[in-house]
Amino acid sequence: MAEAPDEQANKEDYADFEARVKRTIYIDELSPQVTSQVIKAALEQCANVVNTEFIVNYTIPYDIPAAALVELDNESQAKAAVNLMNDFPFIIGGMPRPVRAVYAKPEMFRDRPRKPGLKFEISWVKQGDPEHDGMAKLKGLAKRQDAQNMALIKTQLEAEDVLAAQQQETLDANYRKFDVLENIMQNGNIKNLAQHYKVKLADE
């Protein structure tokens, strides 16, 4: 018996989707400062970024890009990108950031097609049904998880503020050092500085 046209199309769509999953990586623990351009620049030495989709967490009242799905040209680039981001720090504004990268999974995609052969059965659960108590427990667990999630997000945002302040302080200190050196070079005091530290210049 021949397959229905819509079932065949579904199989083709899912095969294309599986190929996309294999060339996509999942990145989380991202800073709110991260943009698509930042991710593209970070990976350009080993992969070409085709598309970046930030995953929005609708359970919190904050609009922060905490995670992203990054599609690359092929599966080998995905492997290289995961290795790169786990072996070397993610850089924003010249400073390292804690970032984790893993291979993407089908359930991470909100636009994933229906898996061929998968069927759903839906039924209403009312008070008095055997499944009602289990559903009530799940609802209570979901509420507790939401509260824990909010507490975790607030802690992460506070840690992000502290890290950003520390990195800005380091950048400011480095700028002052370069500014001092530039003034020394422009004012011709390099020889006095070399004599003070007993360093011979190349033209001496």
C-alpha atoms as a PDB file:
ATOM      1  CA  MET A   1       0.000   0.000   0.000  1.00  0.00           C
ATOM      2  CA  ALA A   2       1.461   3.324  -1.077  1.00  0.00           C
ATOM      3  CA  GLU A   3       2.018   6.043   1.504  1.00  0.00           C
ATOM      4  CA  ALA A   4      -0.218   9.086   1.502  1.00  0.00           C
ATOM      5  CA  PRO A   5       1.422  12.182  -0.031  1.00  0.00           C
ATOM      6  CA  ASP A   6       1.247  14.102   3.252  1.00  0.00           C
ATOM      7  CA  GLU A   7       2.944  11.227   5.124  1.00  0.00           C
ATOM      8  CA  GLN A   8       5.760  11.100   2.558  1.00  0.00           C
ATOM      9  CA  ALA A   9       6.189  14.879   2.789  1.00  0.00           C
ATOM     10  CA  ASN A  10       6.318  14.597   6.569  1.00  0.00           C
ATOM     11  CA  LYS A  11       9.123  12.025   6.342  1.00  0.00           C
ATOM     12  CA  GLU A  12      11.107  14.280   4.001  1.00  0.00           C
ATOM     13  CA  ASP A  13      10.574  17.291   6.257  1.00  0.00           C
ATOM     14  CA  TYR A  14      11.721  15.333   9.297  1.00  0.00           C
ATOM     15  CA  ALA A  15      14.819  14.036   7.475  1.00  0.00           C
ATOM     16  CA  ASP A  16      15.755  17.627   6.592  1.00  0.00           C
ATOM     17  CA  PHE A  17      15.122  18.623  10.212  1.00  0.00           C
ATOM     18  CA  GLU A  18      17.374  15.852  11.544  1.00  0.00           C
ATOM     19  CA  ALA A  19      20.159  17.042   9.235  1.00  0.00           C
ATOM     20  CA  ARG A  20      19.701  20.596  10.588  1.00  0.00           C
ATOM     21  CA  VAL A  21      19.888  19.332  14.170  1.00  0.00           C
ATOM     22  CA  LYS A  22      23.233  17.646  13.475  1.00  0.00           C
ATOM     23  CA  ARG A  23      24.780  20.885  12.202  1.00  0.00           C
ATOM     24  CA  THR A  24      23.398  23.001  15.049  1.00  0.00           C
ATOM     25  CA  ILE A  25      24.907  23.671  18.473  1.00  0.00           C
ATOM     26  CA  TYR A  26      23.266  24.875  21.687  1.00  0.00           C
ATOM     27  CA  ILE A  27      25.017  27.605  23.666  1.00  0.00           C
ATOM     28  CA  ASP A  28      23.912  28.709  27.121  1.00  0.00           C
ATOM     29  CA  GLU A  29      25.100  30.839  30.055  1.00  0.00           C
ATOM     30  CA  LEU A  30      25.272  33.745  27.624  1.00  0.00           C
ATOM     31  CA  SER A  31      25.623  37.341  28.728  1.00  0.00           C
ATOM     32  CA  PRO A  32      22.773  39.795  27.972  1.00  0.00           C
ATOM     33  CA  GLN A  33      25.348  41.648  25.843  1.00  0.00           C
ATOM     34  CA  VAL A  34      25.649  38.773  23.364  1.00  0.00           C
ATOM     35  CA  THR A  35      24.240  39.355  19.865  1.00  0.00           C
ATOM     36  CA  SER A  36      24.184  37.276  16.682  1.00  0.00           C
ATOM     37  CA  GLN A  37      27.200  39.245  15.437  1.00  0.00           C
ATOM     38  CA  VAL A  38      29.167  38.430  18.604  1.00  0.00           C
ATOM     39  CA  ILE A  39      28.517  34.695  18.195  1.00  0.00           C
ATOM     40  CA  LYS A  40      29.409  34.825  14.491  1.00  0.00           C
ATOM     41  CA  ALA A  41      32.706  36.598  15.270  1.00  0.00           C
ATOM     42  CA  ALA A  42      33.552  34.103  18.031  1.00  0.00           C
ATOM     43  CA  LEU A  43      33.094  31.097  15.718  1.00  0.00           C
ATOM     44  CA  GLU A  44      34.400  32.485  12.420  1.00  0.00           C
ATOM     45  CA  GLN A  45      37.802  30.796  12.787  1.00  0.00           C
ATOM     46  CA  CYS A  46      36.241  27.309  12.663  1.00  0.00           C
ATOM     47  CA  ALA A  47      32.673  27.628  11.329  1.00  0.00           C
ATOM     48  CA  ASN A  48      30.291  29.704   9.256  1.00  0.00           C
ATOM     49  CA  VAL A  49      27.170  30.722  11.165  1.00  0.00           C
ATOM     50  CA  VAL A  50      24.064  30.221   8.991  1.00  0.00           C
ATOM     51  CA  ASN A  51      21.473  31.236  11.588  1.00  0.00           C
ATOM     52  CA  THR A  52      21.269  32.153  15.275  1.00  0.00           C
ATOM     53  CA  GLU A  53      18.039  31.782  17.225  1.00  0.00           C
ATOM     54  CA  PHE A  54      17.998  33.033  20.805  1.00  0.00           C
ATOM     55  CA  ILE A  55      15.771  30.927  23.057  1.00  0.00           C
ATOM     56  CA  VAL A  56      13.344  33.067  25.013  1.00  0.00           C
ATOM     57  CA  ASN A  57      12.460  31.927  28.530  1.00  0.00           C
ATOM     58  CA  TYR A  58       8.780  32.839  28.842  1.00  0.00           C
ATOM     59  CA  THR A  59       8.679  31.768  32.503  1.00  0.00           C
ATOM     60  CA  ILE A  60      10.636  34.798  33.705  1.00  0.00           C
ATOM     61  CA  PRO A  61       9.938  38.564  33.461  1.00  0.00           C
ATOM     62  CA  TYR A  62      13.356  39.275  31.945  1.00  0.00           C
ATOM     63  CA  ASP A  63      14.281  39.617  28.282  1.00  0.00           C
ATOM     64  CA  ILE A  64      17.804  38.186  28.299  1.00  0.00           C
ATOM     65  CA  PRO A  65      19.499  35.959  25.671  1.00  0.00           C
ATOM     66  CA  ALA A  66      20.509  33.227  28.095  1.00  0.00           C
ATOM     67  CA  ALA A  67      20.760  30.533  25.398  1.00  0.00           C
ATOM     68  CA  ALA A  68      20.869  30.194  21.613  1.00  0.00           C
ATOM     69  CA  LEU A  69      20.668  27.608  18.836  1.00  0.00           C
ATOM     70  CA  VAL A  70      23.406  28.276  16.285  1.00  0.00           C
ATOM     71  CA  GLU A  71      23.121  26.578  12.887  1.00  0.00           C
ATOM     72  CA  LEU A  72      26.379  26.056  10.980  1.00  0.00           C
ATOM     73  CA  ASP A  73      27.240  24.861   7.475  1.00  0.00           C
ATOM     74  CA  ASN A  74      27.703  21.189   8.345  1.00  0.00           C
ATOM     75  CA  GLU A  75      28.142  18.600  11.094  1.00  0.00           C
ATOM     76  CA  SER A  76      31.945  18.804  11.124  1.00  0.00           C
ATOM     77  CA  GLN A  77      31.770  22.546  11.769  1.00  0.00           C
ATOM     78  CA  ALA A  78      29.376  21.878  14.652  1.00  0.00           C
ATOM     79  CA  LYS A  79      31.913  19.490  16.208  1.00  0.00           C
ATOM     80  CA  ALA A  80      34.726  22.016  15.746  1.00  0.00           C
ATOM     81  CA  ALA A  81      32.615  24.804  17.284  1.00  0.00           C
ATOM     82  CA  VAL A  82      31.715  22.747  20.365  1.00  0.00           C
ATOM     83  CA  ASN A  83      35.381  21.823  20.899  1.00  0.00           C
ATOM     84  CA  LEU A  84      36.479  25.432  20.429  1.00  0.00           C
ATOM     85  CA  MET A  85      33.969  26.922  22.853  1.00  0.00           C
ATOM     86  CA  ASN A  86      34.659  24.297  25.522  1.00  0.00           C
ATOM     87  CA  ASP A  87      38.455  24.551  25.210  1.00  0.00           C
ATOM     88  CA  PHE A  88      38.771  28.348  25.008  1.00  0.00           C
ATOM     89  CA  PRO A  89      36.935  31.213  26.756  1.00  0.00           C
ATOM     90  CA  PHE A  90      34.168  33.079  24.985  1.00  0.00           C
ATOM     91  CA  ILE A  91      35.340  36.696  24.511  1.00  0.00           C
ATOM     92  CA  ILE A  92      33.154  39.809  24.749  1.00  0.00           C
ATOM     93  CA  GLY A  93      34.784  43.223  24.635  1.00  0.00           C
ATOM     94  CA  GLY A  94      38.201  41.639  25.009  1.00  0.00           C
ATOM     95  CA  MET A  95      37.224  39.812  28.211  1.00  0.00           C
ATOM     96  CA  PRO A  96      36.569  36.057  28.787  1.00  0.00           C
ATOM     97  CA  ARG A  97      33.061  34.870  29.692  1.00  0.00           C
ATOM     98  CA  PRO A  98      31.838  31.528  31.112  1.00  0.00           C
ATOM     99  CA  VAL A  99      29.906  29.887  28.258  1.00  0.00           C
ATOM    100  CA  ARG A 100      28.914  26.257  27.600  1.00  0.00           C
ATOM    101  CA  ALA A 101      28.356  24.675  24.182  1.00  0.00           C
ATOM    102  CA  VAL A 102      26.808  21.257  23.407  1.00  0.00           C
ATOM    103  CA  TYR A 103      25.287  19.513  20.395  1.00  0.00           C
ATOM    104  CA  ALA A 104      21.660  20.436  19.745  1.00  0.00           C
ATOM    105  CA  LYS A 105      18.813  17.987  20.337  1.00  0.00           C
ATOM    106  CA  PRO A 106      15.488  17.781  18.437  1.00  0.00           C
ATOM    107  CA  GLU A 107      13.414  18.832  21.451  1.00  0.00           C
ATOM    108  CA  MET A 108      15.261  22.163  21.609  1.00  0.00           C
ATOM    109  CA  PHE A 109      13.648  23.387  18.368  1.00  0.00           C
ATOM    110  CA  ARG A 110      10.259  25.061  18.629  1.00  0.00           C
ATOM    111  CA  ASP A 111       9.618  24.593  14.882  1.00  0.00           C
ATOM    112  CA  ARG A 112      10.381  20.860  14.783  1.00  0.00           C
ATOM    113  CA  PRO A 113       8.059  18.868  12.515  1.00  0.00           C
ATOM    114  CA  ARG A 114       6.018  15.933  13.750  1.00  0.00           C
ATOM    115  CA  LYS A 115       8.059  12.759  13.911  1.00  0.00           C
ATOM    116  CA  PRO A 116       6.767  10.204  11.364  1.00  0.00           C
ATOM    117  CA  GLY A 117       4.586   7.532  12.951  1.00  0.00           C
ATOM    118  CA  LEU A 118       4.109   9.498  16.170  1.00  0.00           C
ATOM    119  CA  LYS A 119       0.502   9.635  17.374  1.00  0.00           C
ATOM    120  CA  PHE A 120      -1.071  11.631  20.197  1.00  0.00           C
ATOM    121  CA  GLU A 121      -4.039  10.725  22.339  1.00  0.00           C
ATOM    122  CA  ILE A 122      -5.736  13.513  24.306  1.00  0.00           C
ATOM    123  CA  SER A 123      -8.219  12.981  27.119  1.00  0.00           C
ATOM    124  CA  TRP A 124      -9.745  15.233  29.774  1.00  0.00           C
ATOM    125  CA  VAL A 125      -8.900  14.516  33.402  1.00  0.00           C
ATOM    126  CA  LYS A 126     -11.589  15.452  35.917  1.00  0.00           C
ATOM    127  CA  GLN A 127     -11.667  15.411  39.701  1.00  0.00           C
ATOM    128  CA  GLY A 128     -12.364  11.871  40.801  1.00  0.00           C
ATOM    129  CA  ASP A 129     -10.498  10.278  37.898  1.00  0.00           C
ATOM    130  CA  PRO A 130      -7.521   8.050  38.853  1.00  0.00           C
ATOM    131  CA  GLU A 131      -5.086  10.381  37.070  1.00  0.00           C
ATOM    132  CA  HIS A 132      -6.370  13.540  38.792  1.00  0.00           C
ATOM    133  CA  ASP A 133      -4.208  13.270  41.933  1.00  0.00           C
ATOM    134  CA  GLY A 134      -1.079  12.730  39.848  1.00  0.00           C
ATOM    135  CA  MET A 135      -1.826  15.786  37.744  1.00  0.00           C
ATOM    136  CA  ALA A 136      -2.417  17.874  40.879  1.00  0.00           C
ATOM    137  CA  LYS A 137       1.000  16.827  42.208  1.00  0.00           C
ATOM    138  CA  LEU A 138       2.622  17.743  38.902  1.00  0.00           C
ATOM    139  CA  LYS A 139       0.978  21.162  39.042  1.00  0.00           C
ATOM    140  CA  GLY A 140       2.370  21.747  42.543  1.00  0.00           C
ATOM    141  CA  LEU A 141       5.849  20.662  41.424  1.00  0.00           C
ATOM    142  CA  ALA A 142       5.664  23.046  38.457  1.00  0.00           C
ATOM    143  CA  LYS A 143       4.853  25.979  40.762  1.00  0.00           C
ATOM    144  CA  ARG A 144       7.784  25.156  43.045  1.00  0.00           C
ATOM    145  CA  GLN A 145      10.067  24.830  40.034  1.00  0.00           C
ATOM    146  CA  ASP A 146       8.979  28.263  38.792  1.00  0.00           C
ATOM    147  CA  ALA A 147       9.862  29.790  42.168  1.00  0.00           C
ATOM    148  CA  GLN A 148      13.262  28.093  42.175  1.00  0.00           C
ATOM    149  CA  ASN A 149      13.831  29.182  38.579  1.00  0.00           C
ATOM    150  CA  MET A 150      13.127  32.822  39.455  1.00  0.00           C
ATOM    151  CA  ALA A 151      15.537  32.696  42.393  1.00  0.00           C
ATOM    152  CA  LEU A 152      18.223  31.182  40.164  1.00  0.00           C
ATOM    153  CA  ILE A 153      17.715  33.822  37.457  1.00  0.00           C
ATOM    154  CA  LYS A 154      18.019  36.651  39.986  1.00  0.00           C
ATOM    155  CA  THR A 155      21.236  35.117  41.325  1.00  0.00           C
ATOM    156  CA  GLN A 156      22.617  34.809  37.784  1.00  0.00           C
ATOM    157  CA  LEU A 157      21.760  38.436  37.003  1.00  0.00           C
ATOM    158  CA  GLU A 158      23.477  39.607  40.194  1.00  0.00           C
ATOM    159  CA  ALA A 159      26.563  37.543  39.322  1.00  0.00           C
ATOM    160  CA  GLU A 160      26.486  38.995  35.800  1.00  0.00           C
ATOM    161  CA  ASP A 161      26.470  42.547  37.202  1.00  0.00           C
ATOM    162  CA  VAL A 162      29.454  41.753  39.455  1.00  0.00           C
ATOM    163  CA  LEU A 163      31.390  40.154  36.575  1.00  0.00           C
ATOM    164  CA  ALA A 164      30.620  43.061  34.249  1.00  0.00           C
ATOM    165  CA  ALA A 165      31.831  45.561  36.872  1.00  0.00           C
ATOM    166  CA  GLN A 166      35.063  43.595  37.415  1.00  0.00           C
ATOM    167  CA  GLN A 167      35.743  43.399  33.697  1.00  0.00           C
ATOM    168  CA  GLN A 168      35.019  47.093  33.193  1.00  0.00           C
ATOM    169  CA  GLU A 169      37.449  47.918  36.007  1.00  0.00           C
ATOM    170  CA  THR A 170      40.138  45.792  34.310  1.00  0.00           C
ATOM    171  CA  LEU A 171      39.502  47.470  30.952  1.00  0.00           C
ATOM    172  CA  ASP A 172      39.726  50.925  32.544  1.00  0.00           C
ATOM    173  CA  ALA A 173      43.014  50.007  34.253  1.00  0.00           C
ATOM    174  CA  ASN A 174      44.486  48.741  30.974  1.00  0.00           C
ATOM    175  CA  TYR A 175      43.364  51.905  29.190  1.00  0.00           C
ATOM    176  CA  ARG A 176      45.109  54.066  31.802  1.00  0.00           C
ATOM    177  CA  LYS A 177      48.319  52.068  31.374  1.00  0.00           C
ATOM    178  CA  PHE A 178      48.275  52.467  27.590  1.00  0.00           C
ATOM    179  CA  ASP A 179      47.477  56.160  27.982  1.00  0.00           C
ATOM    180  CA  VAL A 180      50.515  56.642  30.244  1.00  0.00           C
ATOM    181  CA  LEU A 181      52.769  54.808  27.797  1.00  0.00           C
ATOM    182  CA  GLU A 182      51.454  56.850  24.879  1.00  0.00           C
ATOM    183  CA  ASN A 183      52.134  60.099  26.740  1.00  0.00           C
ATOM    184  CA  ILE A 184      55.653  58.936  27.525  1.00  0.00           C
ATOM    185  CA  MET A 185      56.296  58.146  23.868  1.00  0.00           C
ATOM    186  CA  GLN A 186      54.857  61.440  22.638  1.00  0.00           C
ATOM    187  CA  ASN A 187      56.748  63.585  25.180  1.00  0.00           C
ATOM    188  CA  GLY A 188      60.081  61.977  24.496  1.00  0.00           C
ATOM    189  CA  ASN A 189      60.478  60.603  28.015  1.00  0.00           C
ATOM    190  CA  ILE A 190      61.166  57.073  26.857  1.00  0.00           C
ATOM    191  CA  LYS A 191      64.917  57.463  27.409  1.00  0.00           C
ATOM    192  CA  ASN A 192      64.418  58.663  30.976  1.00  0.00           C
ATOM    193  CA  LEU A 193      62.141  55.712  31.634  1.00  0.00           C
ATOM    194  CA  ALA A 194      64.683  53.294  30.143  1.00  0.00           C
ATOM    195  CA  GLN A 195      67.442  54.746  32.298  1.00  0.00           C
ATOM    196  CA  HIS A 196      65.260  54.473  35.405  1.00  0.00           C
ATOM    197  CA  TYR A 197      64.654  50.765  34.810  1.00  0.00           C
ATOM    198  CA  LYS A 198      68.189  50.208  33.440  1.00  0.00           C
ATOM    199  CA  VAL A 199      66.944  49.036  30.047  1.00  0.00           C
ATOM    200  CA  LYS A 200      68.931  49.614  26.851  1.00  0.00           C
ATOM    201  CA  LEU A 201      67.049  50.888  23.846  1.00  0.00           C
ATOM    202  CA  ALA A 202      67.613  49.463  20.373  1.00  0.00           C
ATOM    203  CA  ASP A 203      69.244  52.643  19.058  1.00  0.00           C
ATOM    204  CA  GLU A 204      71.716  52.905  21.926  1.00  0.00           C
END
